[in-house]
C-alpha atoms as a PDB file:
ATOM      1  CA  MET A   1      86.739  65.016 120.414  1.00  0.00           C
ATOM      2  CA  LYS A   2      83.971  63.671 118.194  1.00  0.00           C
ATOM      3  CA  GLN A   3      82.168  67.159 118.252  1.00  0.00           C
ATOM      4  CA  LEU A   4      85.328  68.808 117.121  1.00  0.00           C
ATOM      5  CA  GLN A   5      85.525  66.415 114.212  1.00  0.00           C
ATOM      6  CA  GLN A   6      81.994  66.956 113.473  1.00  0.00           C
ATOM      7  CA  ILE A   7      82.600  70.887 113.250  1.00  0.00           C
ATOM      8  CA  PHE A   8      85.330  70.314 110.664  1.00  0.00           C
ATOM      9  CA  ASP A   9      83.534  67.870 108.877  1.00  0.00           C
ATOM     10  CA  ASN A  10      80.344  69.931 108.483  1.00  0.00           C
ATOM     11  CA  ALA A  11      81.986  73.278 108.006  1.00  0.00           C
ATOM     12  CA  ASP A  12      81.667  75.286 104.843  1.00  0.00           C
ATOM     13  CA  GLN A  13      85.239  75.731 103.162  1.00  0.00           C
ATOM     14  CA  LEU A  14      85.438  79.503 102.238  1.00  0.00           C
ATOM     15  CA  TYR A  15      88.948  79.530 100.767  1.00  0.00           C
ATOM     16  CA  ASN A  16      91.203  76.678  99.896  1.00  0.00           C
ATOM     17  CA  LEU A  17      94.945  76.944 100.057  1.00  0.00           C
ATOM     18  CA  GLU A  18      95.521  77.895  96.524  1.00  0.00           C
ATOM     19  CA  GLN A  19      93.127  81.070  97.144  1.00  0.00           C
ATOM     20  CA  ILE A  20      94.878  81.985 100.339  1.00  0.00           C
ATOM     21  CA  ASP A  21      98.327  81.762  98.663  1.00  0.00           C
ATOM     22  CA  SER A  22      97.227  83.942  95.924  1.00  0.00           C
ATOM     23  CA  ALA A  23      95.900  86.422  98.276  1.00  0.00           C
ATOM     24  CA  LEU A  24      99.293  86.425 100.137  1.00  0.00           C
ATOM     25  CA  SER A  25     101.082  86.976  97.011  1.00  0.00           C
ATOM     26  CA  THR A  26      99.011  90.072  96.475  1.00  0.00           C
ATOM     27  CA  LEU A  27      99.726  91.288  99.903  1.00  0.00           C
ATOM     28  CA  ALA A  28     103.399  90.754  99.458  1.00  0.00           C
ATOM     29  CA  GLU A  29     103.545  92.930  96.254  1.00  0.00           C
ATOM     30  CA  GLN A  30     101.728  95.753  98.158  1.00  0.00           C
ATOM     31  CA  LEU A  31     104.097  95.182 101.044  1.00  0.00           C
ATOM     32  CA  ASN A  32     107.172  95.140  98.734  1.00  0.00           C
ATOM     33  CA  GLN A  33     106.171  98.222  97.058  1.00  0.00           C
ATOM     34  CA  GLN A  34     105.409 100.231 100.286  1.00  0.00           C
ATOM     35  CA  PHE A  35     108.234  99.027 102.723  1.00  0.00           C
ATOM     36  CA  ALA A  36     111.168  98.282 100.624  1.00  0.00           C
ATOM     37  CA  ASP A  37     113.431 100.798 102.090  1.00  0.00           C
ATOM     38  CA  SER A  38     112.008 101.081 105.638  1.00  0.00           C
ATOM     39  CA  ASN A  39     113.750  98.217 107.414  1.00  0.00           C
ATOM     40  CA  PRO A  40     110.275  97.548 109.110  1.00  0.00           C
ATOM     41  CA  LEU A  41     109.901  95.278 112.392  1.00  0.00           C
ATOM     42  CA  LEU A  42     107.308  92.830 111.783  1.00  0.00           C
ATOM     43  CA  LEU A  43     105.161  91.617 114.748  1.00  0.00           C
ATOM     44  CA  CYS A  44     103.435  88.520 114.359  1.00  0.00           C
ATOM     45  CA  VAL A  45     100.244  88.358 116.713  1.00  0.00           C
ATOM     46  CA  MET A  46     100.253  85.086 118.146  1.00  0.00           C
ATOM     47  CA  ASN A  47      98.801  82.463 117.903  1.00  0.00           C
ATOM     48  CA  GLY A  48      96.588  83.115 115.189  1.00  0.00           C
ATOM     49  CA  SER A  49      98.765  84.596 112.538  1.00  0.00           C
ATOM     50  CA  VAL A  50     101.649  82.325 112.908  1.00  0.00           C
ATOM     51  CA  ILE A  51     100.737  80.485 109.694  1.00  0.00           C
ATOM     52  CA  THR A  52      99.935  83.648 107.807  1.00  0.00           C
ATOM     53  CA  ALA A  53     103.430  85.062 108.825  1.00  0.00           C
ATOM     54  CA  GLY A  54     105.100  81.850 107.878  1.00  0.00           C
ATOM     55  CA  HIS A  55     103.683  81.898 104.382  1.00  0.00           C
ATOM     56  CA  LEU A  56     103.903  85.678 103.955  1.00  0.00           C
ATOM     57  CA  LEU A  57     107.411  86.372 104.993  1.00  0.00           C
ATOM     58  CA  PRO A  58     109.334  84.600 102.159  1.00  0.00           C
ATOM     59  CA  LYS A  59     107.239  86.443  99.713  1.00  0.00           C
ATOM     60  CA  LEU A  60     108.891  89.658 101.046  1.00  0.00           C
ATOM     61  CA  ASN A  61     112.075  90.996  99.478  1.00  0.00           C
ATOM     62  CA  PHE A  62     113.180  93.568 101.543  1.00  0.00           C
ATOM     63  CA  LEU A  63     115.094  93.894 104.811  1.00  0.00           C
ATOM     64  CA  LEU A  64     113.042  93.356 107.832  1.00  0.00           C
ATOM     65  CA  GLU A  65     113.180  92.091 111.482  1.00  0.00           C
ATOM     66  CA  LEU A  66     110.683  89.799 113.106  1.00  0.00           C
ATOM     67  CA  ASP A  67     109.344  89.501 116.627  1.00  0.00           C
ATOM     68  CA  TYR A  68     106.084  88.397 118.173  1.00  0.00           C
ATOM     69  CA  ILE A  69     103.330  89.660 120.364  1.00  0.00           C
ATOM     70  CA  HIS A  70     100.825  87.728 122.096  1.00  0.00           C
ATOM     71  CA  VAL A  71      97.522  89.184 123.124  1.00  0.00           C
ATOM     72  CA  THR A  72      94.164  87.231 123.289  1.00  0.00           C
ATOM     73  CA  ARG A  73      90.540  87.760 123.705  1.00  0.00           C
ATOM     74  CA  TYR A  74      89.302  84.348 122.992  1.00  0.00           C
ATOM     75  CA  GLY A  75      91.687  81.862 124.685  1.00  0.00           C
ATOM     76  CA  ASP A  76      89.875  78.582 123.888  1.00  0.00           C
ATOM     77  CA  LYS A  77      86.301  80.184 123.755  1.00  0.00           C
ATOM     78  CA  THR A  78      84.230  81.222 120.671  1.00  0.00           C
ATOM     79  CA  VAL A  79      83.355  84.590 122.185  1.00  0.00           C
ATOM     80  CA  GLY A  80      85.830  87.252 122.820  1.00  0.00           C
ATOM     81  CA  GLY A  81      86.383  88.655 126.472  1.00  0.00           C
ATOM     82  CA  ASP A  82      88.813  90.847 128.098  1.00  0.00           C
ATOM     83  CA  LEU A  83      92.436  91.307 126.511  1.00  0.00           C
ATOM     84  CA  SER A  84      94.846  89.095 128.099  1.00  0.00           C
ATOM     85  CA  TRP A  85      98.514  90.220 127.486  1.00  0.00           C
ATOM     86  CA  LEU A  86     100.746  86.951 127.246  1.00  0.00           C
ATOM     87  CA  HIS A  87     103.878  88.371 125.529  1.00  0.00           C
ATOM     88  CA  GLN A  88     105.408  91.750 124.648  1.00  0.00           C
ATOM     89  CA  PRO A  89     108.008  92.100 121.912  1.00  0.00           C
ATOM     90  CA  VAL A  90     111.746  91.978 122.681  1.00  0.00           C
ATOM     91  CA  SER A  91     112.506  94.268 120.044  1.00  0.00           C
ATOM     92  CA  GLU A  92     112.821  97.885 120.400  1.00  0.00           C
ATOM     93  CA  LEU A  93     109.950  99.759 118.763  1.00  0.00           C
ATOM     94  CA  LYS A  94     110.880 103.236 119.385  1.00  0.00           C
ATOM     95  CA  GLY A  95     111.437 104.941 115.905  1.00  0.00           C
ATOM     96  CA  ARG A  96     110.575 101.768 114.131  1.00  0.00           C
ATOM     97  CA  VAL A  97     108.236 101.180 111.166  1.00  0.00           C
ATOM     98  CA  VAL A  98     106.097  98.523 112.668  1.00  0.00           C
ATOM     99  CA  ILE A  99     103.765  95.906 110.561  1.00  0.00           C
ATOM    100  CA  LEU A 100     101.407  94.074 112.693  1.00  0.00           C
ATOM    101  CA  ILE A 101     100.533  90.702 111.225  1.00  0.00           C
ATOM    102  CA  GLU A 102      97.078  89.712 112.085  1.00  0.00           C
ATOM    103  CA  ASP A 103      94.964  86.586 111.292  1.00  0.00           C
ATOM    104  CA  ILE A 104      91.599  88.255 111.466  1.00  0.00           C
ATOM    105  CA  PHE A 105      89.853  91.824 111.649  1.00  0.00           C
ATOM    106  CA  ASP A 106      86.864  90.882 113.485  1.00  0.00           C
ATOM    107  CA  GLN A 107      85.700  93.642 115.785  1.00  0.00           C
ATOM    108  CA  GLY A 108      89.057  95.634 116.137  1.00  0.00           C
ATOM    109  CA  ILE A 109      89.368  95.487 119.751  1.00  0.00           C
ATOM    110  CA  THR A 110      92.683  93.523 119.815  1.00  0.00           C
ATOM    111  CA  LEU A 111      93.984  95.488 116.767  1.00  0.00           C
ATOM    112  CA  GLU A 112      93.342  98.913 118.310  1.00  0.00           C
ATOM    113  CA  ALA A 113      95.188  97.915 121.497  1.00  0.00           C
ATOM    114  CA  LEU A 114      98.084  96.458 119.759  1.00  0.00           C
ATOM    115  CA  ARG A 115      98.275  99.818 117.583  1.00  0.00           C
ATOM    116  CA  GLN A 116      97.974 101.887 120.959  1.00  0.00           C
ATOM    117  CA  TYR A 117     100.734  99.609 122.524  1.00  0.00           C
ATOM    118  CA  CYS A 118     103.290 100.264 119.580  1.00  0.00           C
ATOM    119  CA  GLU A 119     102.402 104.050 119.430  1.00  0.00           C
ATOM    120  CA  GLN A 120     103.100 104.215 123.284  1.00  0.00           C
ATOM    121  CA  GLU A 121     106.350 102.444 122.743  1.00  0.00           C
ATOM    122  CA  GLY A 122     107.451 104.948 120.315  1.00  0.00           C
ATOM    123  CA  ALA A 123     106.937 103.312 116.730  1.00  0.00           C
ATOM    124  CA  LYS A 124     107.433 105.784 113.845  1.00  0.00           C
ATOM    125  CA  SER A 125     104.443 104.417 112.201  1.00  0.00           C
ATOM    126  CA  VAL A 126     102.186 101.259 112.632  1.00  0.00           C
ATOM    127  CA  SER A 127     100.473  99.422 109.899  1.00  0.00           C
ATOM    128  CA  CYS A 128      98.524  96.158 109.829  1.00  0.00           C
ATOM    129  CA  VAL A 129      98.442  93.404 107.416  1.00  0.00           C
ATOM    130  CA  THR A 130      95.435  90.913 107.991  1.00  0.00           C
ATOM    131  CA  LEU A 131      94.690  87.651 106.098  1.00  0.00           C
ATOM    132  CA  ILE A 132      90.872  88.023 106.616  1.00  0.00           C
ATOM    133  CA  ASP A 133      88.411  90.814 107.156  1.00  0.00           C
ATOM    134  CA  LYS A 134      85.239  89.694 108.784  1.00  0.00           C
ATOM    135  CA  VAL A 135      82.261  91.728 107.114  1.00  0.00           C
ATOM    136  CA  HIS A 136      79.921  93.256 109.682  1.00  0.00           C
ATOM    137  CA  GLY A 137      79.150  96.777 110.874  1.00  0.00           C
ATOM    138  CA  ASN A 138      80.300  96.290 114.489  1.00  0.00           C
ATOM    139  CA  LYS A 139      83.925  97.398 114.196  1.00  0.00           C
ATOM    140  CA  MET A 140      86.081  99.767 116.191  1.00  0.00           C
ATOM    141  CA  GLY A 141      89.493 101.579 115.270  1.00  0.00           C
ATOM    142  CA  ILE A 142      91.324 101.914 112.200  1.00  0.00           C
ATOM    143  CA  THR A 143      90.803  99.355 109.558  1.00  0.00           C
ATOM    144  CA  PRO A 144      93.944  97.386 108.697  1.00  0.00           C
ATOM    145  CA  GLU A 145      95.772  98.900 105.945  1.00  0.00           C
ATOM    146  CA  PHE A 146      96.490  95.510 103.823  1.00  0.00           C
ATOM    147  CA  ILE A 147      93.630  92.922 103.762  1.00  0.00           C
ATOM    148  CA  GLY A 148      93.784  89.759 101.926  1.00  0.00           C
ATOM    149  CA  LEU A 149      90.289  88.129 101.982  1.00  0.00           C
ATOM    150  CA  THR A 150      86.962  88.821 103.327  1.00  0.00           C
ATOM    151  CA  VAL A 151      84.669  86.421 104.996  1.00  0.00           C
ATOM    152  CA  PRO A 152      80.849  86.728 106.107  1.00  0.00           C
ATOM    153  CA  ASP A 153      79.831  87.472 109.578  1.00  0.00           C
ATOM    154  CA  ARG A 154      80.437  83.792 110.755  1.00  0.00           C
ATOM    155  CA  TYR A 155      82.683  81.856 113.077  1.00  0.00           C
ATOM    156  CA  VAL A 156      85.833  80.867 110.954  1.00  0.00           C
ATOM    157  CA  PHE A 157      88.811  78.794 111.653  1.00  0.00           C
ATOM    158  CA  GLY A 158      91.685  77.188 109.802  1.00  0.00           C
ATOM    159  CA  PHE A 159      94.990  78.391 108.557  1.00  0.00           C
ATOM    160  CA  GLY A 160      96.036  79.571 112.095  1.00  0.00           C
ATOM    161  CA  MET A 161      92.600  80.543 113.389  1.00  0.00           C
ATOM    162  CA  ASP A 162      90.941  78.157 115.861  1.00  0.00           C
ATOM    163  CA  TYR A 163      87.832  76.766 117.062  1.00  0.00           C
ATOM    164  CA  LYS A 164      87.952  76.305 120.701  1.00  0.00           C
ATOM    165  CA  GLY A 165      91.702  75.740 120.625  1.00  0.00           C
ATOM    166  CA  TYR A 166      91.589  73.346 117.701  1.00  0.00           C
ATOM    167  CA  TRP A 167      91.843  73.189 113.793  1.00  0.00           C
ATOM    168  CA  ARG A 168      94.385  75.989 113.509  1.00  0.00           C
ATOM    169  CA  ASN A 169      95.889  73.405 111.178  1.00  0.00           C
ATOM    170  CA  ALA A 170      92.787  72.985 108.817  1.00  0.00           C
ATOM    171  CA  PRO A 171      93.901  73.365 105.239  1.00  0.00           C
ATOM    172  CA  GLY A 172      91.997  76.209 104.222  1.00  0.00           C
ATOM    173  CA  ILE A 173      89.513  78.851 105.934  1.00  0.00           C
ATOM    174  CA  TYR A 174      86.339  77.245 106.928  1.00  0.00           C
ATOM    175  CA  ALA A 175      83.127  78.494 108.573  1.00  0.00           C
ATOM    176  CA  VAL A 176      81.236  76.862 111.347  1.00  0.00           C
ATOM    177  CA  ARG A 177      77.667  75.990 109.980  1.00  0.00           C
ATOM    178  CA  GLU A 178      75.214  78.477 111.563  1.00  0.00           C
ATOM    179  CA  ASP A 179      73.153  75.540 113.178  1.00  0.00           C
ATOM    180  CA  GLY A 180      76.558  74.752 115.056  1.00  0.00           C
ATOM    181  CA  LEU A 181      76.875  71.232 113.783  1.00  0.00           C
END
């Protein structure tokens, strides 16, 4: 536990709550313009995007339905592995406009699998809104259509994203120091 506290205490804060809220407001404006008349199904990608979804949804002023999907590559680790499907949406995707709410677009492996799943289930269209885009050249698949903020190629946590299962509750977005302390 002491090491986890040190990670937070020594981390670099990249964005505070005010900056995150401003980015979410901008994303909401874009979504309000594009999806006002489409009655979309929003899928919160658990666990990381639960806080993003909770702050974004009240800013949306159109009819929508909400469900969730739970796929992970990390679990309580800091390096991604194989995809693990933990929950599929209960809502019917066939013929629906689907918006995936993601916490971070890192390599794109999870997002690509989520898009394929929605398409295979018959979604009319699939878009993605992500709070964070990690800047590096090792990405695959389609870039999210709606991006809130960018971060450098460092391990980030807070505002729903975790460090070894902890610090999802950190009040902002933080990067682990490069020396790991």
